[in-house]
Amino acid sequence: MSKPKLILESDVRAMARGSRLVIEKGTIITPAALDSAHERDITLDRRSGSGQSGLAGASKSKECLWHKMLAEPGKYLVEVNDGNAVVWLLGDNGPVAYGRDKLENHR
């Protein structure tokens, strides 16, 4: 059995803003790293053992992000800036990227 990987705040800060961080099953990510990922608009892509993304509401979906949120009970963090929204689902292991939307999609 392999040793779990540990992701630190310094690892996240070294990444480009807006990039994607793939977190394989068994990886530990510190709370400071999660906060840094949120601040830097880095998408967390949690992987299950099957290789499927643990990301709920991937941006490839054509369905409305807001309707999807209303249909799924949970705690969400929504950041809105210049007509763009980034939504994070707050789970037991910290925030997980949930989806993005733009004001122009709702006019």
N, C-alpha and C. Protein backbone atom coordinates (compact mmCIF):
# COMPACT_ATOMS: atom_id res chain seq x y z
N MET A 1 0.85 -1.19 0.00
CA MET A 1 0.00 0.00 0.00
C MET A 1 0.89 1.25 0.00
N SER A 2 0.58 2.18 -0.87
CA SER A 2 1.39 3.39 -0.96
C SER A 2 1.03 4.38 0.14
N LYS A 3 1.99 5.19 0.46
CA LYS A 3 1.84 6.21 1.49
C LYS A 3 0.94 7.33 0.96
N PRO A 4 0.02 7.86 1.78
CA PRO A 4 -0.84 8.96 1.31
C PRO A 4 0.00 10.19 0.95
N LYS A 5 -0.42 10.88 -0.08
CA LYS A 5 0.25 12.11 -0.49
C LYS A 5 -0.28 13.25 0.36
N LEU A 6 0.55 14.24 0.66
CA LEU A 6 0.17 15.40 1.45
C LEU A 6 0.34 16.64 0.60
N ILE A 7 -0.71 17.46 0.50
CA ILE A 7 -0.66 18.71 -0.25
C ILE A 7 -0.69 19.85 0.76
N LEU A 8 0.32 20.70 0.70
CA LEU A 8 0.47 21.83 1.62
C LEU A 8 0.10 23.14 0.93
N GLU A 9 -0.07 24.17 1.73
CA GLU A 9 -0.37 25.51 1.21
C GLU A 9 0.71 25.94 0.21
N SER A 10 1.97 25.66 0.50
CA SER A 10 3.06 26.06 -0.39
C SER A 10 2.95 25.38 -1.76
N ASP A 11 2.44 24.15 -1.78
CA ASP A 11 2.22 23.45 -3.05
C ASP A 11 1.19 24.18 -3.90
N VAL A 12 0.11 24.61 -3.25
CA VAL A 12 -0.98 25.30 -3.96
C VAL A 12 -0.53 26.68 -4.41
N ARG A 13 0.20 27.38 -3.58
CA ARG A 13 0.68 28.72 -3.94
C ARG A 13 1.63 28.69 -5.13
N ALA A 14 2.30 27.56 -5.34
CA ALA A 14 3.23 27.42 -6.47
C ALA A 14 2.49 27.18 -7.79
N MET A 15 1.19 26.90 -7.72
CA MET A 15 0.40 26.63 -8.92
C MET A 15 -0.09 27.94 -9.55
N ALA A 16 -0.35 27.90 -10.84
CA ALA A 16 -0.89 29.06 -11.54
C ALA A 16 -2.33 29.31 -11.11
N ARG A 17 -2.70 30.57 -11.01
CA ARG A 17 -4.09 30.93 -10.69
C ARG A 17 -5.03 30.31 -11.72
N GLY A 18 -6.18 29.82 -11.24
CA GLY A 18 -7.20 29.29 -12.14
C GLY A 18 -6.91 27.89 -12.66
N SER A 19 -5.85 27.26 -12.17
CA SER A 19 -5.52 25.92 -12.66
C SER A 19 -6.35 24.85 -11.94
N ARG A 20 -6.10 23.60 -12.26
CA ARG A 20 -6.85 22.46 -11.69
C ARG A 20 -5.88 21.59 -10.90
N LEU A 21 -6.27 21.24 -9.68
CA LEU A 21 -5.47 20.36 -8.83
C LEU A 21 -6.21 19.04 -8.69
N VAL A 22 -5.63 17.96 -9.21
CA VAL A 22 -6.23 16.64 -9.11
C VAL A 22 -5.79 16.03 -7.79
N ILE A 23 -6.78 15.63 -6.98
CA ILE A 23 -6.51 15.04 -5.68
C ILE A 23 -6.96 13.58 -5.72
N GLU A 24 -5.97 12.69 -5.78
CA GLU A 24 -6.27 11.26 -5.85
C GLU A 24 -6.78 10.76 -4.51
N LYS A 25 -7.50 9.64 -4.55
CA LYS A 25 -8.02 9.02 -3.34
C LYS A 25 -6.88 8.78 -2.36
N GLY A 26 -7.09 9.11 -1.10
CA GLY A 26 -6.08 8.91 -0.07
C GLY A 26 -5.16 10.10 0.14
N THR A 27 -5.27 11.12 -0.72
CA THR A 27 -4.44 12.31 -0.58
C THR A 27 -4.99 13.19 0.54
N ILE A 28 -4.09 13.73 1.32
CA ILE A 28 -4.46 14.64 2.40
C ILE A 28 -4.12 16.06 1.96
N ILE A 29 -5.08 16.96 2.08
CA ILE A 29 -4.85 18.36 1.74
C ILE A 29 -5.15 19.19 2.98
N THR A 30 -4.20 20.01 3.37
CA THR A 30 -4.34 20.77 4.62
C THR A 30 -5.41 21.86 4.46
N PRO A 31 -6.01 22.28 5.58
CA PRO A 31 -6.98 23.38 5.52
C PRO A 31 -6.40 24.65 4.90
N ALA A 32 -5.13 24.94 5.20
CA ALA A 32 -4.50 26.14 4.62
C ALA A 32 -4.37 25.99 3.10
N ALA A 33 -4.10 24.79 2.63
CA ALA A 33 -4.02 24.55 1.18
C ALA A 33 -5.39 24.73 0.54
N LEU A 34 -6.45 24.27 1.20
CA LEU A 34 -7.81 24.46 0.69
C LEU A 34 -8.15 25.94 0.59
N ASP A 35 -7.81 26.70 1.64
CA ASP A 35 -8.06 28.14 1.63
C ASP A 35 -7.30 28.81 0.49
N SER A 36 -6.05 28.42 0.31
CA SER A 36 -5.23 29.00 -0.75
C SER A 36 -5.81 28.68 -2.13
N ALA A 37 -6.28 27.44 -2.30
CA ALA A 37 -6.89 27.05 -3.58
C ALA A 37 -8.11 27.93 -3.87
N HIS A 38 -8.92 28.17 -2.86
CA HIS A 38 -10.10 29.02 -3.05
C HIS A 38 -9.68 30.44 -3.43
N GLU A 39 -8.72 30.99 -2.70
CA GLU A 39 -8.25 32.36 -2.97
C GLU A 39 -7.67 32.50 -4.38
N ARG A 40 -7.03 31.44 -4.87
CA ARG A 40 -6.35 31.49 -6.18
C ARG A 40 -7.21 30.94 -7.31
N ASP A 41 -8.50 30.66 -7.02
CA ASP A 41 -9.44 30.17 -8.02
C ASP A 41 -8.95 28.87 -8.67
N ILE A 42 -8.37 28.00 -7.84
CA ILE A 42 -7.87 26.71 -8.31
C ILE A 42 -8.98 25.68 -8.10
N THR A 43 -9.31 24.96 -9.15
CA THR A 43 -10.36 23.94 -9.09
C THR A 43 -9.79 22.67 -8.48
N LEU A 44 -10.47 22.15 -7.46
CA LEU A 44 -10.07 20.89 -6.84
C LEU A 44 -10.85 19.77 -7.49
N ASP A 45 -10.14 18.82 -8.03
CA ASP A 45 -10.75 17.68 -8.72
C ASP A 45 -10.43 16.44 -7.90
N ARG A 46 -11.39 16.06 -7.06
CA ARG A 46 -11.18 14.89 -6.19
C ARG A 46 -11.53 13.64 -6.97
N ARG A 47 -10.61 12.68 -6.98
CA ARG A 47 -10.79 11.44 -7.74
C ARG A 47 -11.16 10.30 -6.79
N SER A 48 -12.10 9.47 -7.23
CA SER A 48 -12.44 8.26 -6.48
C SER A 48 -11.51 7.16 -6.97
N GLY A 49 -11.58 6.00 -6.39
CA GLY A 49 -10.74 4.88 -6.78
C GLY A 49 -10.97 4.44 -8.21
N SER A 50 -12.13 4.70 -8.78
CA SER A 50 -12.44 4.27 -10.15
C SER A 50 -11.90 5.23 -11.20
N GLY A 51 -11.30 6.34 -10.74
CA GLY A 51 -10.78 7.31 -11.69
C GLY A 51 -11.83 8.33 -12.10
N GLN A 52 -13.06 8.17 -11.62
CA GLN A 52 -14.11 9.14 -11.92
C GLN A 52 -13.88 10.39 -11.08
N SER A 53 -14.19 11.49 -11.61
CA SER A 53 -14.04 12.73 -10.88
C SER A 53 -15.04 12.80 -9.74
N GLY A 54 -14.58 13.27 -8.60
CA GLY A 54 -15.45 13.48 -7.47
C GLY A 54 -16.08 14.85 -7.52
N LEU A 55 -15.87 15.55 -8.59
CA LEU A 55 -16.36 16.90 -8.72
C LEU A 55 -17.84 16.88 -9.05
N ALA A 56 -18.63 17.51 -8.21
CA ALA A 56 -20.07 17.59 -8.49
C ALA A 56 -20.31 18.78 -9.40
N GLY A 57 -21.21 18.65 -10.35
CA GLY A 57 -21.58 19.78 -11.19
C GLY A 57 -20.45 20.27 -12.07
N ALA A 58 -19.78 19.39 -12.75
CA ALA A 58 -18.68 19.79 -13.62
C ALA A 58 -19.17 20.80 -14.64
N SER A 59 -18.28 21.68 -15.05
CA SER A 59 -18.68 22.78 -15.93
C SER A 59 -19.13 22.30 -17.30
N LYS A 60 -18.92 21.04 -17.66
CA LYS A 60 -19.35 20.53 -18.95
C LYS A 60 -20.87 20.39 -19.03
N SER A 61 -21.54 20.41 -17.89
CA SER A 61 -22.98 20.23 -17.85
C SER A 61 -23.68 21.46 -18.42
N LYS A 62 -24.71 21.24 -19.21
CA LYS A 62 -25.47 22.34 -19.79
C LYS A 62 -26.59 22.80 -18.85
N GLU A 63 -26.83 22.04 -17.79
CA GLU A 63 -27.92 22.39 -16.90
C GLU A 63 -27.55 23.59 -16.04
N CYS A 64 -28.53 24.35 -15.65
CA CYS A 64 -28.33 25.57 -14.88
C CYS A 64 -27.75 25.25 -13.50
N LEU A 65 -26.65 25.92 -13.18
CA LEU A 65 -25.97 25.70 -11.90
C LEU A 65 -26.89 25.99 -10.72
N TRP A 66 -27.68 27.03 -10.81
CA TRP A 66 -28.53 27.44 -9.67
C TRP A 66 -29.64 26.42 -9.45
N HIS A 67 -30.23 25.89 -10.51
CA HIS A 67 -31.25 24.86 -10.36
C HIS A 67 -30.64 23.58 -9.77
N LYS A 68 -29.43 23.28 -10.21
CA LYS A 68 -28.74 22.10 -9.69
C LYS A 68 -28.49 22.25 -8.18
N MET A 69 -28.08 23.44 -7.74
CA MET A 69 -27.85 23.68 -6.31
C MET A 69 -29.16 23.55 -5.53
N LEU A 70 -30.22 24.08 -6.07
CA LEU A 70 -31.51 24.03 -5.38
C LEU A 70 -32.03 22.60 -5.26
N ALA A 71 -31.62 21.73 -6.17
CA ALA A 71 -32.06 20.34 -6.15
C ALA A 71 -31.19 19.46 -5.25
N GLU A 72 -30.02 19.95 -4.86
CA GLU A 72 -29.10 19.18 -4.02
C GLU A 72 -28.88 19.88 -2.70
N PRO A 73 -29.46 19.36 -1.62
CA PRO A 73 -29.23 19.98 -0.31
C PRO A 73 -27.74 19.96 0.02
N GLY A 74 -27.28 21.00 0.64
CA GLY A 74 -25.88 21.08 1.04
C GLY A 74 -25.52 22.49 1.44
N LYS A 75 -24.30 22.66 1.87
CA LYS A 75 -23.77 23.98 2.22
C LYS A 75 -22.86 24.41 1.09
N TYR A 76 -23.11 25.60 0.56
CA TYR A 76 -22.37 26.10 -0.58
C TYR A 76 -21.70 27.42 -0.24
N LEU A 77 -20.57 27.65 -0.85
CA LEU A 77 -19.89 28.92 -0.78
C LEU A 77 -19.95 29.49 -2.19
N VAL A 78 -20.48 30.69 -2.33
CA VAL A 78 -20.62 31.32 -3.64
C VAL A 78 -19.81 32.60 -3.64
N GLU A 79 -18.92 32.74 -4.62
CA GLU A 79 -18.14 33.95 -4.79
C GLU A 79 -18.56 34.58 -6.11
N VAL A 80 -18.96 35.85 -6.07
CA VAL A 80 -19.40 36.55 -7.27
C VAL A 80 -18.48 37.74 -7.50
N ASN A 81 -17.98 37.86 -8.74
CA ASN A 81 -17.09 38.96 -9.08
C ASN A 81 -17.31 39.31 -10.54
N ASP A 82 -17.69 40.55 -10.81
CA ASP A 82 -17.89 41.05 -12.17
C ASP A 82 -18.80 40.16 -13.02
N GLY A 83 -19.89 39.70 -12.44
CA GLY A 83 -20.86 38.90 -13.20
C GLY A 83 -20.48 37.44 -13.35
N ASN A 84 -19.42 37.00 -12.69
CA ASN A 84 -19.00 35.61 -12.72
C ASN A 84 -19.16 35.00 -11.33
N ALA A 85 -19.72 33.81 -11.26
CA ALA A 85 -19.91 33.13 -9.98
C ALA A 85 -19.09 31.85 -9.96
N VAL A 86 -18.44 31.60 -8.84
CA VAL A 86 -17.75 30.35 -8.58
C VAL A 86 -18.41 29.75 -7.35
N VAL A 87 -18.81 28.48 -7.45
CA VAL A 87 -19.52 27.83 -6.35
C VAL A 87 -18.69 26.65 -5.85
N TRP A 88 -18.58 26.56 -4.54
CA TRP A 88 -17.88 25.47 -3.88
C TRP A 88 -18.88 24.75 -2.98
N LEU A 89 -18.88 23.44 -3.00
CA LEU A 89 -19.68 22.62 -2.09
C LEU A 89 -18.83 22.36 -0.86
N LEU A 90 -19.35 22.69 0.31
CA LEU A 90 -18.60 22.50 1.54
C LEU A 90 -18.86 21.10 2.06
N GLY A 91 -17.83 20.25 2.02
CA GLY A 91 -17.94 18.86 2.44
C GLY A 91 -17.14 18.60 3.70
N ASP A 92 -17.11 17.35 4.10
CA ASP A 92 -16.38 16.96 5.31
C ASP A 92 -14.88 17.22 5.19
N ASN A 93 -14.35 17.18 3.98
CA ASN A 93 -12.91 17.37 3.76
C ASN A 93 -12.59 18.76 3.25
N GLY A 94 -13.52 19.69 3.41
CA GLY A 94 -13.28 21.05 2.95
C GLY A 94 -14.06 21.35 1.68
N PRO A 95 -13.84 22.54 1.11
CA PRO A 95 -14.58 22.94 -0.08
C PRO A 95 -14.14 22.16 -1.31
N VAL A 96 -15.13 21.83 -2.15
CA VAL A 96 -14.88 21.13 -3.41
C VAL A 96 -15.53 21.96 -4.51
N ALA A 97 -14.78 22.20 -5.58
CA ALA A 97 -15.32 22.98 -6.69
C ALA A 97 -16.62 22.34 -7.17
N TYR A 98 -17.66 23.15 -7.30
CA TYR A 98 -18.98 22.65 -7.69
C TYR A 98 -19.37 23.11 -9.08
N GLY A 99 -19.07 24.36 -9.40
CA GLY A 99 -19.41 24.86 -10.74
C GLY A 99 -19.16 26.34 -10.88
N ARG A 100 -19.34 26.80 -12.11
CA ARG A 100 -19.17 28.22 -12.45
C ARG A 100 -20.36 28.65 -13.30
N ASP A 101 -20.66 29.94 -13.24
CA ASP A 101 -21.71 30.47 -14.07
C ASP A 101 -21.43 31.94 -14.33
N LYS A 102 -22.07 32.46 -15.38
CA LYS A 102 -21.90 33.87 -15.73
C LYS A 102 -23.27 34.53 -15.81
N LEU A 103 -23.32 35.78 -15.48
CA LEU A 103 -24.54 36.56 -15.56
C LEU A 103 -25.11 36.53 -16.97
N GLU A 104 -24.24 36.59 -17.97
CA GLU A 104 -24.71 36.61 -19.36
C GLU A 104 -25.51 35.37 -19.73
N ASN A 105 -25.37 34.29 -18.99
CA ASN A 105 -26.14 33.06 -19.25
C ASN A 105 -27.58 33.17 -18.74
N HIS A 106 -27.89 34.26 -18.03
CA HIS A 106 -29.22 34.38 -17.41
C HIS A 106 -29.93 35.66 -17.81
N ARG A 107 -29.60 36.21 -18.92
CA ARG A 107 -30.26 37.43 -19.38
C ARG A 107 -31.30 37.11 -20.41
